[in-house]
Amino acid sequence: KIYSFLENTEVFISIGTSNNVYPAA
């Protein structure tokens, strides 16, 4: 579901995360 939404994402907002831990990174 997440990657399906990402395919059409136009604005990406990251809050309170290092973006170092996968798969979220």
mmCIF file of all heavy atoms, coordinates in Angstrom:
data_MODEL
# 
_entry.id   MODEL 
# 
loop_
_atom_site.group_PDB 
_atom_site.id 
_atom_site.type_symbol 
_atom_site.label_atom_id 
_atom_site.label_alt_id 
_atom_site.label_comp_id 
_atom_site.label_asym_id 
_atom_site.label_entity_id 
_atom_site.label_seq_id 
_atom_site.pdbx_PDB_ins_code 
_atom_site.Cartn_x 
_atom_site.Cartn_y 
_atom_site.Cartn_z 
_atom_site.occupancy 
_atom_site.B_iso_or_equiv 
_atom_site.pdbx_formal_charge 
_atom_site.auth_seq_id 
_atom_site.auth_comp_id 
_atom_site.auth_asym_id 
_atom_site.auth_atom_id 
_atom_site.pdbx_PDB_model_num 
ATOM 1   N N   . LYS A 1 1  ? 0.830  -1.203 0.000  1.00 0.00 ? 1  LYS A N   1 
ATOM 2   C CA  . LYS A 1 1  ? 0.000  0.000  0.000  1.00 0.00 ? 1  LYS A CA  1 
ATOM 3   C C   . LYS A 1 1  ? 0.867  1.257  0.000  1.00 0.00 ? 1  LYS A C   1 
ATOM 4   O O   . LYS A 1 1  ? 0.557  2.250  -0.671 1.00 0.00 ? 1  LYS A O   1 
ATOM 5   C CB  . LYS A 1 1  ? -0.924 0.009  1.217  1.00 0.00 ? 1  LYS A CB  1 
ATOM 6   C CG  . LYS A 1 1  ? -2.017 -1.045 1.192  1.00 0.00 ? 1  LYS A CG  1 
ATOM 7   C CD  . LYS A 1 1  ? -2.905 -0.924 2.424  1.00 0.00 ? 1  LYS A CD  1 
ATOM 8   C CE  . LYS A 1 1  ? -4.025 -1.952 2.401  1.00 0.00 ? 1  LYS A CE  1 
ATOM 9   N NZ  . LYS A 1 1  ? -4.890 -1.853 3.596  1.00 0.00 ? 1  LYS A NZ  1 
ATOM 10  N N   . ILE A 1 2  ? 1.949  1.206  0.763  1.00 0.00 ? 2  ILE A N   1 
ATOM 11  C CA  . ILE A 1 2  ? 2.831  2.371  0.863  1.00 0.00 ? 2  ILE A CA  1 
ATOM 12  C C   . ILE A 1 2  ? 3.467  2.692  -0.486 1.00 0.00 ? 2  ILE A C   1 
ATOM 13  O O   . ILE A 1 2  ? 3.429  3.834  -0.957 1.00 0.00 ? 2  ILE A O   1 
ATOM 14  C CB  . ILE A 1 2  ? 3.915  2.127  1.934  1.00 0.00 ? 2  ILE A CB  1 
ATOM 15  C CG1 . ILE A 1 2  ? 3.277  2.125  3.328  1.00 0.00 ? 2  ILE A CG1 1 
ATOM 16  C CG2 . ILE A 1 2  ? 5.001  3.198  1.845  1.00 0.00 ? 2  ILE A CG2 1 
ATOM 17  C CD1 . ILE A 1 2  ? 4.207  1.669  4.433  1.00 0.00 ? 2  ILE A CD1 1 
ATOM 18  N N   . TYR A 1 3  ? 4.033  1.681  -1.133 1.00 0.00 ? 3  TYR A N   1 
ATOM 19  C CA  . TYR A 1 3  ? 4.699  1.942  -2.418 1.00 0.00 ? 3  TYR A CA  1 
ATOM 20  C C   . TYR A 1 3  ? 3.700  2.276  -3.523 1.00 0.00 ? 3  TYR A C   1 
ATOM 21  O O   . TYR A 1 3  ? 4.022  3.031  -4.445 1.00 0.00 ? 3  TYR A O   1 
ATOM 22  C CB  . TYR A 1 3  ? 5.576  0.750  -2.808 1.00 0.00 ? 3  TYR A CB  1 
ATOM 23  C CG  . TYR A 1 3  ? 6.930  0.802  -2.140 1.00 0.00 ? 3  TYR A CG  1 
ATOM 24  C CD1 . TYR A 1 3  ? 7.205  0.034  -1.022 1.00 0.00 ? 3  TYR A CD1 1 
ATOM 25  C CD2 . TYR A 1 3  ? 7.921  1.652  -2.613 1.00 0.00 ? 3  TYR A CD2 1 
ATOM 26  C CE1 . TYR A 1 3  ? 8.448  0.096  -0.396 1.00 0.00 ? 3  TYR A CE1 1 
ATOM 27  C CE2 . TYR A 1 3  ? 9.164  1.730  -1.997 1.00 0.00 ? 3  TYR A CE2 1 
ATOM 28  C CZ  . TYR A 1 3  ? 9.419  0.949  -0.887 1.00 0.00 ? 3  TYR A CZ  1 
ATOM 29  O OH  . TYR A 1 3  ? 10.642 1.031  -0.263 1.00 0.00 ? 3  TYR A OH  1 
ATOM 30  N N   . SER A 1 4  ? 2.501  1.746  -3.405 1.00 0.00 ? 4  SER A N   1 
ATOM 31  C CA  . SER A 1 4  ? 1.460  2.105  -4.361 1.00 0.00 ? 4  SER A CA  1 
ATOM 32  C C   . SER A 1 4  ? 1.136  3.591  -4.257 1.00 0.00 ? 4  SER A C   1 
ATOM 33  O O   . SER A 1 4  ? 0.964  4.282  -5.276 1.00 0.00 ? 4  SER A O   1 
ATOM 34  C CB  . SER A 1 4  ? 0.202  1.271  -4.109 1.00 0.00 ? 4  SER A CB  1 
ATOM 35  O OG  . SER A 1 4  ? -0.845 1.645  -4.979 1.00 0.00 ? 4  SER A OG  1 
ATOM 36  N N   . PHE A 1 5  ? 1.080  4.109  -3.034 1.00 0.00 ? 5  PHE A N   1 
ATOM 37  C CA  . PHE A 1 5  ? 0.813  5.537  -2.836 1.00 0.00 ? 5  PHE A CA  1 
ATOM 38  C C   . PHE A 1 5  ? 2.020  6.368  -3.275 1.00 0.00 ? 5  PHE A C   1 
ATOM 39  O O   . PHE A 1 5  ? 1.861  7.429  -3.891 1.00 0.00 ? 5  PHE A O   1 
ATOM 40  C CB  . PHE A 1 5  ? 0.485  5.827  -1.374 1.00 0.00 ? 5  PHE A CB  1 
ATOM 41  C CG  . PHE A 1 5  ? -0.083 7.204  -1.139 1.00 0.00 ? 5  PHE A CG  1 
ATOM 42  C CD1 . PHE A 1 5  ? -1.450 7.415  -1.092 1.00 0.00 ? 5  PHE A CD1 1 
ATOM 43  C CD2 . PHE A 1 5  ? 0.757  8.308  -0.996 1.00 0.00 ? 5  PHE A CD2 1 
ATOM 44  C CE1 . PHE A 1 5  ? -1.965 8.690  -0.887 1.00 0.00 ? 5  PHE A CE1 1 
ATOM 45  C CE2 . PHE A 1 5  ? 0.257  9.579  -0.803 1.00 0.00 ? 5  PHE A CE2 1 
ATOM 46  C CZ  . PHE A 1 5  ? -1.113 9.769  -0.743 1.00 0.00 ? 5  PHE A CZ  1 
ATOM 47  N N   . LEU A 1 6  ? 3.220  5.885  -2.972 1.00 0.00 ? 6  LEU A N   1 
ATOM 48  C CA  . LEU A 1 6  ? 4.423  6.619  -3.340 1.00 0.00 ? 6  LEU A CA  1 
ATOM 49  C C   . LEU A 1 6  ? 4.520  6.846  -4.842 1.00 0.00 ? 6  LEU A C   1 
ATOM 50  O O   . LEU A 1 6  ? 5.062  7.861  -5.294 1.00 0.00 ? 6  LEU A O   1 
ATOM 51  C CB  . LEU A 1 6  ? 5.668  5.871  -2.848 1.00 0.00 ? 6  LEU A CB  1 
ATOM 52  C CG  . LEU A 1 6  ? 5.989  5.967  -1.353 1.00 0.00 ? 6  LEU A CG  1 
ATOM 53  C CD1 . LEU A 1 6  ? 7.111  5.001  -0.977 1.00 0.00 ? 6  LEU A CD1 1 
ATOM 54  C CD2 . LEU A 1 6  ? 6.371  7.393  -0.969 1.00 0.00 ? 6  LEU A CD2 1 
ATOM 55  N N   . GLU A 1 7  ? 3.984  5.932  -5.626 1.00 0.00 ? 7  GLU A N   1 
ATOM 56  C CA  . GLU A 1 7  ? 4.045  6.059  -7.086 1.00 0.00 ? 7  GLU A CA  1 
ATOM 57  C C   . GLU A 1 7  ? 3.342  7.318  -7.584 1.00 0.00 ? 7  GLU A C   1 
ATOM 58  O O   . GLU A 1 7  ? 3.657  7.826  -8.662 1.00 0.00 ? 7  GLU A O   1 
ATOM 59  C CB  . GLU A 1 7  ? 3.435  4.818  -7.741 1.00 0.00 ? 7  GLU A CB  1 
ATOM 60  C CG  . GLU A 1 7  ? 4.298  3.568  -7.587 1.00 0.00 ? 7  GLU A CG  1 
ATOM 61  C CD  . GLU A 1 7  ? 3.658  2.346  -8.208 1.00 0.00 ? 7  GLU A CD  1 
ATOM 62  O OE1 . GLU A 1 7  ? 2.489  2.448  -8.648 1.00 0.00 ? 7  GLU A OE1 1 
ATOM 63  O OE2 . GLU A 1 7  ? 4.314  1.295  -8.250 1.00 0.00 ? 7  GLU A OE2 1 
ATOM 64  N N   . ASN A 1 8  ? 2.384  7.801  -6.798 1.00 0.00 ? 8  ASN A N   1 
ATOM 65  C CA  . ASN A 1 8  ? 1.641  9.006  -7.199 1.00 0.00 ? 8  ASN A CA  1 
ATOM 66  C C   . ASN A 1 8  ? 1.874  10.186 -6.258 1.00 0.00 ? 8  ASN A C   1 
ATOM 67  O O   . ASN A 1 8  ? 1.164  11.188 -6.327 1.00 0.00 ? 8  ASN A O   1 
ATOM 68  C CB  . ASN A 1 8  ? 0.145  8.686  -7.256 1.00 0.00 ? 8  ASN A CB  1 
ATOM 69  C CG  . ASN A 1 8  ? -0.175 7.639  -8.308 1.00 0.00 ? 8  ASN A CG  1 
ATOM 70  O OD1 . ASN A 1 8  ? 0.085  7.843  -9.482 1.00 0.00 ? 8  ASN A OD1 1 
ATOM 71  N ND2 . ASN A 1 8  ? -0.719 6.507  -7.890 1.00 0.00 ? 8  ASN A ND2 1 
ATOM 72  N N   . THR A 1 9  ? 2.865  10.055 -5.388 1.00 0.00 ? 9  THR A N   1 
ATOM 73  C CA  . THR A 1 9  ? 3.156  11.116 -4.423 1.00 0.00 ? 9  THR A CA  1 
ATOM 74  C C   . THR A 1 9  ? 3.734  12.350 -5.116 1.00 0.00 ? 9  THR A C   1 
ATOM 75  O O   . THR A 1 9  ? 4.582  12.232 -5.996 1.00 0.00 ? 9  THR A O   1 
ATOM 76  C CB  . THR A 1 9  ? 4.141  10.601 -3.351 1.00 0.00 ? 9  THR A CB  1 
ATOM 77  O OG1 . THR A 1 9  ? 3.467  9.642  -2.525 1.00 0.00 ? 9  THR A OG1 1 
ATOM 78  C CG2 . THR A 1 9  ? 4.664  11.730 -2.481 1.00 0.00 ? 9  THR A CG2 1 
ATOM 79  N N   . GLU A 1 10 ? 3.267  13.512 -4.692 1.00 0.00 ? 10 GLU A N   1 
ATOM 80  C CA  . GLU A 1 10 ? 3.778  14.772 -5.232 1.00 0.00 ? 10 GLU A CA  1 
ATOM 81  C C   . GLU A 1 10 ? 4.485  15.605 -4.162 1.00 0.00 ? 10 GLU A C   1 
ATOM 82  O O   . GLU A 1 10 ? 5.297  16.466 -4.479 1.00 0.00 ? 10 GLU A O   1 
ATOM 83  C CB  . GLU A 1 10 ? 2.623  15.584 -5.827 1.00 0.00 ? 10 GLU A CB  1 
ATOM 84  C CG  . GLU A 1 10 ? 1.950  14.900 -7.011 1.00 0.00 ? 10 GLU A CG  1 
ATOM 85  C CD  . GLU A 1 10 ? 0.689  15.603 -7.442 1.00 0.00 ? 10 GLU A CD  1 
ATOM 86  O OE1 . GLU A 1 10 ? -0.322 15.504 -6.717 1.00 0.00 ? 10 GLU A OE1 1 
ATOM 87  O OE2 . GLU A 1 10 ? 0.717  16.260 -8.500 1.00 0.00 ? 10 GLU A OE2 1 
ATOM 88  N N   . VAL A 1 11 ? 4.148  15.327 -2.888 1.00 0.00 ? 11 VAL A N   1 
ATOM 89  C CA  . VAL A 1 11 ? 4.792  16.014 -1.763 1.00 0.00 ? 11 VAL A CA  1 
ATOM 90  C C   . VAL A 1 11 ? 5.177  14.964 -0.721 1.00 0.00 ? 11 VAL A C   1 
ATOM 91  O O   . VAL A 1 11 ? 4.336  14.189 -0.278 1.00 0.00 ? 11 VAL A O   1 
ATOM 92  C CB  . VAL A 1 11 ? 3.851  17.056 -1.115 1.00 0.00 ? 11 VAL A CB  1 
ATOM 93  C CG1 . VAL A 1 11 ? 4.540  17.733 0.066  1.00 0.00 ? 11 VAL A CG1 1 
ATOM 94  C CG2 . VAL A 1 11 ? 3.415  18.092 -2.137 1.00 0.00 ? 11 VAL A CG2 1 
ATOM 95  N N   . PHE A 1 12 ? 6.457  14.941 -0.355 1.00 0.00 ? 12 PHE A N   1 
ATOM 96  C CA  . PHE A 1 12 ? 6.965  13.997 0.637  1.00 0.00 ? 12 PHE A CA  1 
ATOM 97  C C   . PHE A 1 12 ? 7.452  14.783 1.844  1.00 0.00 ? 12 PHE A C   1 
ATOM 98  O O   . PHE A 1 12 ? 8.327  15.643 1.711  1.00 0.00 ? 12 PHE A O   1 
ATOM 99  C CB  . PHE A 1 12 ? 8.098  13.163 0.049  1.00 0.00 ? 12 PHE A CB  1 
ATOM 100 C CG  . PHE A 1 12 ? 8.707  12.174 1.010  1.00 0.00 ? 12 PHE A CG  1 
ATOM 101 C CD1 . PHE A 1 12 ? 8.137  10.918 1.191  1.00 0.00 ? 12 PHE A CD1 1 
ATOM 102 C CD2 . PHE A 1 12 ? 9.857  12.490 1.721  1.00 0.00 ? 12 PHE A CD2 1 
ATOM 103 C CE1 . PHE A 1 12 ? 8.705  9.993  2.072  1.00 0.00 ? 12 PHE A CE1 1 
ATOM 104 C CE2 . PHE A 1 12 ? 10.440 11.573 2.593  1.00 0.00 ? 12 PHE A CE2 1 
ATOM 105 C CZ  . PHE A 1 12 ? 9.859  10.326 2.774  1.00 0.00 ? 12 PHE A CZ  1 
ATOM 106 N N   . ILE A 1 13 ? 6.878  14.482 3.010  1.00 0.00 ? 13 ILE A N   1 
ATOM 107 C CA  . ILE A 1 13 ? 7.226  15.198 4.234  1.00 0.00 ? 13 ILE A CA  1 
ATOM 108 C C   . ILE A 1 13 ? 7.726  14.203 5.274  1.00 0.00 ? 13 ILE A C   1 
ATOM 109 O O   . ILE A 1 13 ? 7.003  13.278 5.655  1.00 0.00 ? 13 ILE A O   1 
ATOM 110 C CB  . ILE A 1 13 ? 6.027  15.988 4.794  1.00 0.00 ? 13 ILE A CB  1 
ATOM 111 C CG1 . ILE A 1 13 ? 5.502  16.969 3.738  1.00 0.00 ? 13 ILE A CG1 1 
ATOM 112 C CG2 . ILE A 1 13 ? 6.410  16.727 6.069  1.00 0.00 ? 13 ILE A CG2 1 
ATOM 113 C CD1 . ILE A 1 13 ? 4.239  17.713 4.159  1.00 0.00 ? 13 ILE A CD1 1 
ATOM 114 N N   . SER A 1 14 ? 8.957  14.391 5.715  1.00 0.00 ? 14 SER A N   1 
ATOM 115 C CA  . SER A 1 14 ? 9.580  13.509 6.705  1.00 0.00 ? 14 SER A CA  1 
ATOM 116 C C   . SER A 1 14 ? 9.696  14.253 8.026  1.00 0.00 ? 14 SER A C   1 
ATOM 117 O O   . SER A 1 14 ? 10.238 15.364 8.077  1.00 0.00 ? 14 SER A O   1 
ATOM 118 C CB  . SER A 1 14 ? 10.966 13.077 6.211  1.00 0.00 ? 14 SER A CB  1 
ATOM 119 O OG  . SER A 1 14 ? 11.663 12.369 7.209  1.00 0.00 ? 14 SER A OG  1 
ATOM 120 N N   . ILE A 1 15 ? 9.203  13.623 9.118  1.00 0.00 ? 15 ILE A N   1 
ATOM 121 C CA  . ILE A 1 15 ? 9.166  14.308 10.421 1.00 0.00 ? 15 ILE A CA  1 
ATOM 122 C C   . ILE A 1 15 ? 9.705  13.396 11.520 1.00 0.00 ? 15 ILE A C   1 
ATOM 123 O O   . ILE A 1 15 ? 9.200  12.286 11.736 1.00 0.00 ? 15 ILE A O   1 
ATOM 124 C CB  . ILE A 1 15 ? 7.730  14.730 10.780 1.00 0.00 ? 15 ILE A CB  1 
ATOM 125 C CG1 . ILE A 1 15 ? 7.139  15.620 9.687  1.00 0.00 ? 15 ILE A CG1 1 
ATOM 126 C CG2 . ILE A 1 15 ? 7.702  15.457 12.128 1.00 0.00 ? 15 ILE A CG2 1 
ATOM 127 C CD1 . ILE A 1 15 ? 5.659  15.905 9.862  1.00 0.00 ? 15 ILE A CD1 1 
ATOM 128 N N   . GLY A 1 16 ? 10.731 13.858 12.212 1.00 0.00 ? 16 GLY A N   1 
ATOM 129 C CA  . GLY A 1 16 ? 11.223 13.147 13.387 1.00 0.00 ? 16 GLY A CA  1 
ATOM 130 C C   . GLY A 1 16 ? 11.850 11.803 13.112 1.00 0.00 ? 16 GLY A C   1 
ATOM 131 O O   . GLY A 1 16 ? 11.794 10.912 13.967 1.00 0.00 ? 16 GLY A O   1 
ATOM 132 N N   . THR A 1 17 ? 12.444 11.627 11.950 1.00 0.00 ? 17 THR A N   1 
ATOM 133 C CA  . THR A 1 17 ? 13.092 10.369 11.617 1.00 0.00 ? 17 THR A CA  1 
ATOM 134 C C   . THR A 1 17 ? 14.416 10.636 10.913 1.00 0.00 ? 17 THR A C   1 
ATOM 135 O O   . THR A 1 17 ? 14.543 11.610 10.172 1.00 0.00 ? 17 THR A O   1 
ATOM 136 C CB  . THR A 1 17 ? 12.192 9.483  10.740 1.00 0.00 ? 17 THR A CB  1 
ATOM 137 O OG1 . THR A 1 17 ? 12.872 8.272  10.411 1.00 0.00 ? 17 THR A OG1 1 
ATOM 138 C CG2 . THR A 1 17 ? 11.768 10.189 9.481  1.00 0.00 ? 17 THR A CG2 1 
ATOM 139 N N   . SER A 1 18 ? 15.382 9.768  11.144 1.00 0.00 ? 18 SER A N   1 
ATOM 140 C CA  . SER A 1 18 ? 16.714 9.959  10.579 1.00 0.00 ? 18 SER A CA  1 
ATOM 141 C C   . SER A 1 18 ? 16.796 9.568  9.109  1.00 0.00 ? 18 SER A C   1 
ATOM 142 O O   . SER A 1 18 ? 17.748 9.913  8.418  1.00 0.00 ? 18 SER A O   1 
ATOM 143 C CB  . SER A 1 18 ? 17.729 9.122  11.362 1.00 0.00 ? 18 SER A CB  1 
ATOM 144 O OG  . SER A 1 18 ? 17.471 7.736  11.191 1.00 0.00 ? 18 SER A OG  1 
ATOM 145 N N   . ASN A 1 19 ? 15.797 8.798  8.629  1.00 0.00 ? 19 ASN A N   1 
ATOM 146 C CA  . ASN A 1 19 ? 15.828 8.248  7.264  1.00 0.00 ? 19 ASN A CA  1 
ATOM 147 C C   . ASN A 1 19 ? 17.079 7.389  7.029  1.00 0.00 ? 19 ASN A C   1 
ATOM 148 O O   . ASN A 1 19 ? 17.616 7.325  5.926  1.00 0.00 ? 19 ASN A O   1 
ATOM 149 C CB  . ASN A 1 19 ? 15.765 9.378  6.222  1.00 0.00 ? 19 ASN A CB  1 
ATOM 150 C CG  . ASN A 1 19 ? 14.356 9.908  6.054  1.00 0.00 ? 19 ASN A CG  1 
ATOM 151 O OD1 . ASN A 1 19 ? 13.447 9.189  5.687  1.00 0.00 ? 19 ASN A OD1 1 
ATOM 152 N ND2 . ASN A 1 19 ? 14.173 11.182 6.371  1.00 0.00 ? 19 ASN A ND2 1 
ATOM 153 N N   . ASN A 1 20 ? 17.512 6.716  8.102  1.00 0.00 ? 20 ASN A N   1 
ATOM 154 C CA  . ASN A 1 20 ? 18.669 5.827  8.008  1.00 0.00 ? 20 ASN A CA  1 
ATOM 155 C C   . ASN A 1 20 ? 18.289 4.356  8.112  1.00 0.00 ? 20 ASN A C   1 
ATOM 156 O O   . ASN A 1 20 ? 19.099 3.490  7.771  1.00 0.00 ? 20 ASN A O   1 
ATOM 157 C CB  . ASN A 1 20 ? 19.684 6.146  9.120  1.00 0.00 ? 20 ASN A CB  1 
ATOM 158 C CG  . ASN A 1 20 ? 20.457 7.426  8.859  1.00 0.00 ? 20 ASN A CG  1 
ATOM 159 O OD1 . ASN A 1 20 ? 20.686 7.788  7.711  1.00 0.00 ? 20 ASN A OD1 1 
ATOM 160 N ND2 . ASN A 1 20 ? 20.851 8.117  9.919  1.00 0.00 ? 20 ASN A ND2 1 
ATOM 161 N N   . VAL A 1 21 ? 17.090 4.070  8.613  1.00 0.00 ? 21 VAL A N   1 
ATOM 162 C CA  . VAL A 1 21 ? 16.676 2.689  8.860  1.00 0.00 ? 21 VAL A CA  1 
ATOM 163 C C   . VAL A 1 21 ? 15.729 2.240  7.746  1.00 0.00 ? 21 VAL A C   1 
ATOM 164 O O   . VAL A 1 21 ? 14.702 2.865  7.502  1.00 0.00 ? 21 VAL A O   1 
ATOM 165 C CB  . VAL A 1 21 ? 15.986 2.560  10.236 1.00 0.00 ? 21 VAL A CB  1 
ATOM 166 C CG1 . VAL A 1 21 ? 15.560 1.114  10.484 1.00 0.00 ? 21 VAL A CG1 1 
ATOM 167 C CG2 . VAL A 1 21 ? 16.933 3.028  11.343 1.00 0.00 ? 21 VAL A CG2 1 
ATOM 168 N N   . TYR A 1 22 ? 16.088 1.159  7.103  1.00 0.00 ? 22 TYR A N   1 
ATOM 169 C CA  . TYR A 1 22 ? 15.272 0.635  6.004  1.00 0.00 ? 22 TYR A CA  1 
ATOM 170 C C   . TYR A 1 22 ? 14.199 -0.303 6.543  1.00 0.00 ? 22 TYR A C   1 
ATOM 171 O O   . TYR A 1 22 ? 14.353 -0.885 7.618  1.00 0.00 ? 22 TYR A O   1 
ATOM 172 C CB  . TYR A 1 22 ? 16.174 -0.089 4.987  1.00 0.00 ? 22 TYR A CB  1 
ATOM 173 C CG  . TYR A 1 22 ? 16.992 0.870  4.164  1.00 0.00 ? 22 TYR A CG  1 
ATOM 174 C CD1 . TYR A 1 22 ? 18.197 1.354  4.653  1.00 0.00 ? 22 TYR A CD1 1 
ATOM 175 C CD2 . TYR A 1 22 ? 16.548 1.320  2.927  1.00 0.00 ? 22 TYR A CD2 1 
ATOM 176 C CE1 . TYR A 1 22 ? 18.942 2.275  3.911  1.00 0.00 ? 22 TYR A CE1 1 
ATOM 177 C CE2 . TYR A 1 22 ? 17.289 2.226  2.180  1.00 0.00 ? 22 TYR A CE2 1 
ATOM 178 C CZ  . TYR A 1 22 ? 18.480 2.695  2.681  1.00 0.00 ? 22 TYR A CZ  1 
ATOM 179 O OH  . TYR A 1 22 ? 19.213 3.595  1.943  1.00 0.00 ? 22 TYR A OH  1 
ATOM 180 N N   . PRO A 1 23 ? 13.051 -0.402 5.834  1.00 0.00 ? 23 PRO A N   1 
ATOM 181 C CA  . PRO A 1 23 ? 12.804 0.113  4.480  1.00 0.00 ? 23 PRO A CA  1 
ATOM 182 C C   . PRO A 1 23 ? 12.354 1.567  4.400  1.00 0.00 ? 23 PRO A C   1 
ATOM 183 O O   . PRO A 1 23 ? 12.325 2.125  3.310  1.00 0.00 ? 23 PRO A O   1 
ATOM 184 C CB  . PRO A 1 23 ? 11.697 -0.810 3.963  1.00 0.00 ? 23 PRO A CB  1 
ATOM 185 C CG  . PRO A 1 23 ? 10.928 -1.160 5.187  1.00 0.00 ? 23 PRO A CG  1 
ATOM 186 C CD  . PRO A 1 23 ? 11.967 -1.297 6.281  1.00 0.00 ? 23 PRO A CD  1 
ATOM 187 N N   . ALA A 1 24 ? 12.003 2.196  5.520  1.00 0.00 ? 24 ALA A N   1 
ATOM 188 C CA  . ALA A 1 24 ? 11.521 3.579  5.453  1.00 0.00 ? 24 ALA A CA  1 
ATOM 189 C C   . ALA A 1 24 ? 12.561 4.507  4.835  1.00 0.00 ? 24 ALA A C   1 
ATOM 190 O O   . ALA A 1 24 ? 12.216 5.455  4.116  1.00 0.00 ? 24 ALA A O   1 
ATOM 191 C CB  . ALA A 1 24 ? 11.140 4.071  6.848  1.00 0.00 ? 24 ALA A CB  1 
ATOM 192 N N   . ALA A 1 25 ? 13.838 4.226  5.086  1.00 0.00 ? 25 ALA A N   1 
ATOM 193 C CA  . ALA A 1 25 ? 14.898 5.062  4.528  1.00 0.00 ? 25 ALA A CA  1 
ATOM 194 C C   . ALA A 1 25 ? 14.925 4.999  3.005  1.00 0.00 ? 25 ALA A C   1 
ATOM 195 O O   . ALA A 1 25 ? 15.477 5.895  2.353  1.00 0.00 ? 25 ALA A O   1 
ATOM 196 C CB  . ALA A 1 25 ? 16.253 4.616  5.089  1.00 0.00 ? 25 ALA A CB  1 
# 
